[in-house]
C-alpha atoms as a PDB file:
ATOM      1  CA  MET A   1     -27.113  -4.422  -3.439  1.00  0.00           C
ATOM      2  CA  ALA A   2     -23.515  -3.162  -3.345  1.00  0.00           C
ATOM      3  CA  SER A   3     -22.821   0.221  -5.257  1.00  0.00           C
ATOM      4  CA  GLY A   4     -20.084   2.918  -5.717  1.00  0.00           C
ATOM      5  CA  ARG A   5     -16.537   2.178  -5.372  1.00  0.00           C
ATOM      6  CA  LYS A   6     -15.103  -1.017  -3.928  1.00  0.00           C
ATOM      7  CA  ASP A   7     -14.351  -0.952  -0.189  1.00  0.00           C
ATOM      8  CA  TYR A   8     -10.547  -0.866  -0.240  1.00  0.00           C
ATOM      9  CA  ARG A   9      -8.972  -0.035   3.397  1.00  0.00           C
ATOM     10  CA  ALA A  10      -9.042   3.696   3.685  1.00  0.00           C
ATOM     11  CA  GLU A  11     -10.210   4.138   0.267  1.00  0.00           C
ATOM     12  CA  VAL A  12      -6.779   3.510  -1.418  1.00  0.00           C
ATOM     13  CA  ILE A  13      -6.910   1.626  -4.412  1.00  0.00           C
ATOM     14  CA  PRO A  14      -3.789  -0.559  -4.535  1.00  0.00           C
ATOM     15  CA  VAL A  15      -1.548  -0.133  -8.139  1.00  0.00           C
ATOM     16  CA  LYS A  16       0.651  -2.667  -9.575  1.00  0.00           C
ATOM     17  CA  THR A  17       4.014  -1.390 -10.740  1.00  0.00           C
ATOM     18  CA  VAL A  18       4.221  -2.602 -14.516  1.00  0.00           C
ATOM     19  CA  TYR A  19       7.447  -2.423 -16.265  1.00  0.00           C
ATOM     20  CA  LYS A  20       6.577  -4.124 -19.661  1.00  0.00           C
ATOM     21  CA  THR A  21       3.480  -6.200 -20.820  1.00  0.00           C
ATOM     22  CA  ASP A  22       5.422  -9.416 -20.686  1.00  0.00           C
ATOM     23  CA  GLN A  23       6.990  -9.108 -17.215  1.00  0.00           C
ATOM     24  CA  ASN A  24       7.304 -12.474 -15.586  1.00  0.00           C
ATOM     25  CA  ARG A  25       7.319 -12.944 -11.586  1.00  0.00           C
ATOM     26  CA  PHE A  26      10.551 -13.782  -9.988  1.00  0.00           C
ATOM     27  CA  PHE A  27      10.645 -15.695  -6.917  1.00  0.00           C
ATOM     28  CA  LEU A  28      13.631 -17.499  -5.343  1.00  0.00           C
ATOM     29  CA  SER A  29      13.960 -19.085  -1.820  1.00  0.00           C
ATOM     30  CA  GLU A  30      16.425 -21.357   0.022  1.00  0.00           C
ATOM     31  CA  GLU A  31      16.810 -22.212   3.679  1.00  0.00           C
ATOM     32  CA  GLY A  32      19.331 -24.273   5.747  1.00  0.00           C
ATOM     33  CA  SER A  33      21.567 -24.203   8.557  1.00  0.00           C
ATOM     34  CA  ILE A  34      24.846 -22.327   9.296  1.00  0.00           C
ATOM     35  CA  ALA A  35      27.265 -23.306  11.804  1.00  0.00           C
ATOM     36  CA  GLY A  36      28.352 -21.077  14.563  1.00  0.00           C
ATOM     37  CA  ALA A  37      30.565 -18.277  13.341  1.00  0.00           C
ATOM     38  CA  GLY A  38      29.800 -19.623   9.820  1.00  0.00           C
ATOM     39  CA  SER A  39      28.451 -18.311   6.627  1.00  0.00           C
ATOM     40  CA  ASP A  40      27.129 -19.739   3.427  1.00  0.00           C
ATOM     41  CA  ASP A  41      25.484 -18.313   0.111  1.00  0.00           C
ATOM     42  CA  PHE A  42      22.012 -18.558  -0.487  1.00  0.00           C
ATOM     43  CA  CYS A  43      19.783 -18.046  -3.488  1.00  0.00           C
ATOM     44  CA  THR A  44      22.368 -18.092  -6.192  1.00  0.00           C
ATOM     45  CA  TYR A  45      21.001 -17.620  -9.667  1.00  0.00           C
ATOM     46  CA  THR A  46      22.274 -16.344 -12.919  1.00  0.00           C
ATOM     47  CA  VAL A  47      20.047 -14.160 -15.221  1.00  0.00           C
ATOM     48  CA  PRO A  48      19.449 -15.826 -18.640  1.00  0.00           C
ATOM     49  CA  VAL A  49      20.816 -14.480 -21.789  1.00  0.00           C
ATOM     50  CA  GLY A  50      18.129 -12.229 -23.373  1.00  0.00           C
ATOM     51  CA  TYR A  51      16.524 -11.282 -20.020  1.00  0.00           C
ATOM     52  CA  THR A  52      16.745  -8.378 -17.200  1.00  0.00           C
ATOM     53  CA  LEU A  53      16.178  -9.036 -13.588  1.00  0.00           C
ATOM     54  CA  TYR A  54      14.556  -6.168 -11.789  1.00  0.00           C
ATOM     55  CA  LEU A  55      14.840  -7.082  -7.996  1.00  0.00           C
ATOM     56  CA  ARG A  56      12.248  -5.841  -5.708  1.00  0.00           C
ATOM     57  CA  GLU A  57      12.381  -7.499  -2.434  1.00  0.00           C
ATOM     58  CA  LEU A  58      14.829  -9.288  -0.026  1.00  0.00           C
ATOM     59  CA  PHE A  59      13.853 -10.988   3.097  1.00  0.00           C
ATOM     60  CA  VAL A  60      15.861 -12.997   5.432  1.00  0.00           C
ATOM     61  CA  SER A  61      14.989 -14.466   8.813  1.00  0.00           C
ATOM     62  CA  CYS A  62      16.749 -17.184  11.358  1.00  0.00           C
ATOM     63  CA  ARG A  63      15.296 -18.774  14.479  1.00  0.00           C
ATOM     64  CA  LEU A  64      17.705 -17.501  17.029  1.00  0.00           C
ATOM     65  CA  PRO A  65      17.966 -14.059  18.142  1.00  0.00           C
ATOM     66  CA  GLY A  66      21.461 -12.396  17.773  1.00  0.00           C
ATOM     67  CA  ILE A  67      23.568 -10.187  15.616  1.00  0.00           C
ATOM     68  CA  ASN A  68      23.844 -11.598  11.981  1.00  0.00           C
ATOM     69  CA  TYR A  69      24.983 -10.013   8.933  1.00  0.00           C
ATOM     70  CA  THR A  70      23.263  -9.945   5.141  1.00  0.00           C
ATOM     71  CA  GLN A  71      25.244  -9.429   2.052  1.00  0.00           C
ATOM     72  CA  LEU A  72      23.879  -9.169  -1.443  1.00  0.00           C
ATOM     73  CA  ASN A  73      26.389  -9.673  -4.176  1.00  0.00           C
ATOM     74  CA  VAL A  74      25.828  -9.008  -8.025  1.00  0.00           C
ATOM     75  CA  GLY A  75      28.381  -9.722 -10.680  1.00  0.00           C
ATOM     76  CA  GLY A  76      31.041  -9.806  -7.913  1.00  0.00           C
ATOM     77  CA  VAL A  77      30.192  -6.456  -6.513  1.00  0.00           C
ATOM     78  CA  ASP A  78      29.042  -6.313  -2.968  1.00  0.00           C
ATOM     79  CA  VAL A  79      25.604  -4.085  -3.371  1.00  0.00           C
ATOM     80  CA  PHE A  80      24.939  -3.938   0.212  1.00  0.00           C
ATOM     81  CA  TYR A  81      26.076  -5.281   3.514  1.00  0.00           C
ATOM     82  CA  ILE A  82      23.331  -5.127   6.402  1.00  0.00           C
ATOM     83  CA  GLN A  83      23.148  -6.044  10.240  1.00  0.00           C
ATOM     84  CA  MET A  84      20.014  -7.993  11.116  1.00  0.00           C
ATOM     85  CA  ASP A  85      18.717  -9.442  14.371  1.00  0.00           C
ATOM     86  CA  VAL A  86      16.093 -12.245  13.577  1.00  0.00           C
ATOM     87  CA  GLN A  87      14.344 -10.736  10.433  1.00  0.00           C
ATOM     88  CA  LEU A  88      15.342  -8.344   7.799  1.00  0.00           C
ATOM     89  CA  GLN A  89      13.062  -7.187   5.088  1.00  0.00           C
ATOM     90  CA  HIS A  90      14.468  -4.832   2.163  1.00  0.00           C
ATOM     91  CA  ILE A  91      12.095  -3.381  -0.463  1.00  0.00           C
ATOM     92  CA  PHE A  92      13.767  -1.879  -3.216  1.00  0.00           C
ATOM     93  CA  SER A  93      11.383   1.332  -4.143  1.00  0.00           C
ATOM     94  CA  ASP A  94      10.352   2.163  -7.525  1.00  0.00           C
ATOM     95  CA  ASP A  95      13.261   4.978  -7.791  1.00  0.00           C
ATOM     96  CA  ALA A  96      15.664   2.282  -6.570  1.00  0.00           C
ATOM     97  CA  VAL A  97      15.098  -1.018  -8.333  1.00  0.00           C
ATOM     98  CA  LEU A  98      18.246  -3.138  -8.197  1.00  0.00           C
ATOM     99  CA  THR A  99      18.663  -4.155 -11.966  1.00  0.00           C
ATOM    100  CA  VAL A 100      20.394  -7.227 -12.895  1.00  0.00           C
ATOM    101  CA  ALA A 101      21.899  -7.697 -16.446  1.00  0.00           C
ATOM    102  CA  ALA A 102      21.698 -11.119 -18.506  1.00  0.00           C
ATOM    103  CA  GLY A 103      24.469 -13.186 -17.701  1.00  0.00           C
ATOM    104  CA  ALA A 104      25.235 -11.846 -14.179  1.00  0.00           C
ATOM    105  CA  THR A 105      25.152 -14.001 -11.236  1.00  0.00           C
ATOM    106  CA  PHE A 106      24.019 -12.847  -7.965  1.00  0.00           C
ATOM    107  CA  PHE A 107      23.801 -14.528  -4.560  1.00  0.00           C
ATOM    108  CA  VAL A 108      22.830 -13.441  -0.749  1.00  0.00           C
ATOM    109  CA  SER A 109      25.603 -14.385   1.828  1.00  0.00           C
ATOM    110  CA  LEU A 110      24.443 -15.066   5.619  1.00  0.00           C
ATOM    111  CA  PHE A 111      26.869 -14.462   8.456  1.00  0.00           C
ATOM    112  CA  ASN A 112      25.715 -16.559  11.660  1.00  0.00           C
ATOM    113  CA  ASN A 113      27.632 -14.476  14.314  1.00  0.00           C
ATOM    114  CA  ASP A 114      26.576 -16.536  17.079  1.00  0.00           C
ATOM    115  CA  SER A 115      28.550 -19.420  18.858  1.00  0.00           C
ATOM    116  CA  VAL A 116      25.908 -22.156  18.003  1.00  0.00           C
ATOM    117  CA  SER A 117      24.402 -23.446  14.669  1.00  0.00           C
ATOM    118  CA  ASP A 118      21.090 -21.645  13.461  1.00  0.00           C
ATOM    119  CA  TYR A 119      18.666 -22.015  10.412  1.00  0.00           C
ATOM    120  CA  PHE A 120      18.305 -19.386   8.212  1.00  0.00           C
ATOM    121  CA  TYR A 121      15.651 -18.613   5.270  1.00  0.00           C
ATOM    122  CA  ALA A 122      16.494 -16.189   2.487  1.00  0.00           C
ATOM    123  CA  TYR A 123      13.640 -15.130  -0.340  1.00  0.00           C
ATOM    124  CA  LEU A 124      14.214 -12.625  -3.196  1.00  0.00           C
ATOM    125  CA  ALA A 125      11.359 -11.395  -5.346  1.00  0.00           C
ATOM    126  CA  GLY A 126      11.153  -9.145  -8.591  1.00  0.00           C
ATOM    127  CA  PHE A 127      10.394  -9.429 -12.290  1.00  0.00           C
ATOM    128  CA  LEU A 128      11.938 -10.960 -15.215  1.00  0.00           C
ATOM    129  CA  ILE A 129      11.798  -9.074 -18.385  1.00  0.00           C
ATOM    130  CA  PRO A 130      12.991 -10.058 -22.009  1.00  0.00           C
ATOM    131  CA  THR A 131      15.321  -7.378 -23.107  1.00  0.00           C
ATOM    132  CA  ASP A 132      14.410  -7.782 -26.607  1.00  0.00           C
ATOM    133  CA  PHE A 133      11.066  -6.519 -26.177  1.00  0.00           C
END
């Protein structure tokens, strides 16, 4: 019979960041091919009126190794521009969560810097919360 604390790895009890009681999970992914020396926009989304989006994670991958670029644009402003090889994972910390206001549009631009076509995958995750709460 088990007794005592649950057996978490290294006895660390995981916690969930909670912004508000009615927060909704937000996931958005898109995949597709980009021609050599080309670019394309992935995961285009407009935050609905009455909501605020808190972005927590950006993940991008491609099949072929090489120097590629990832750019996140929010409301017409480039938030960051990062060089990547095959995979990029950017997690926004609790102190630096990217907040996207209602009505704002964001997207991920991917740049294939290779001479051949490559297959890319982009994924965004966060919380969608009503602003009138």
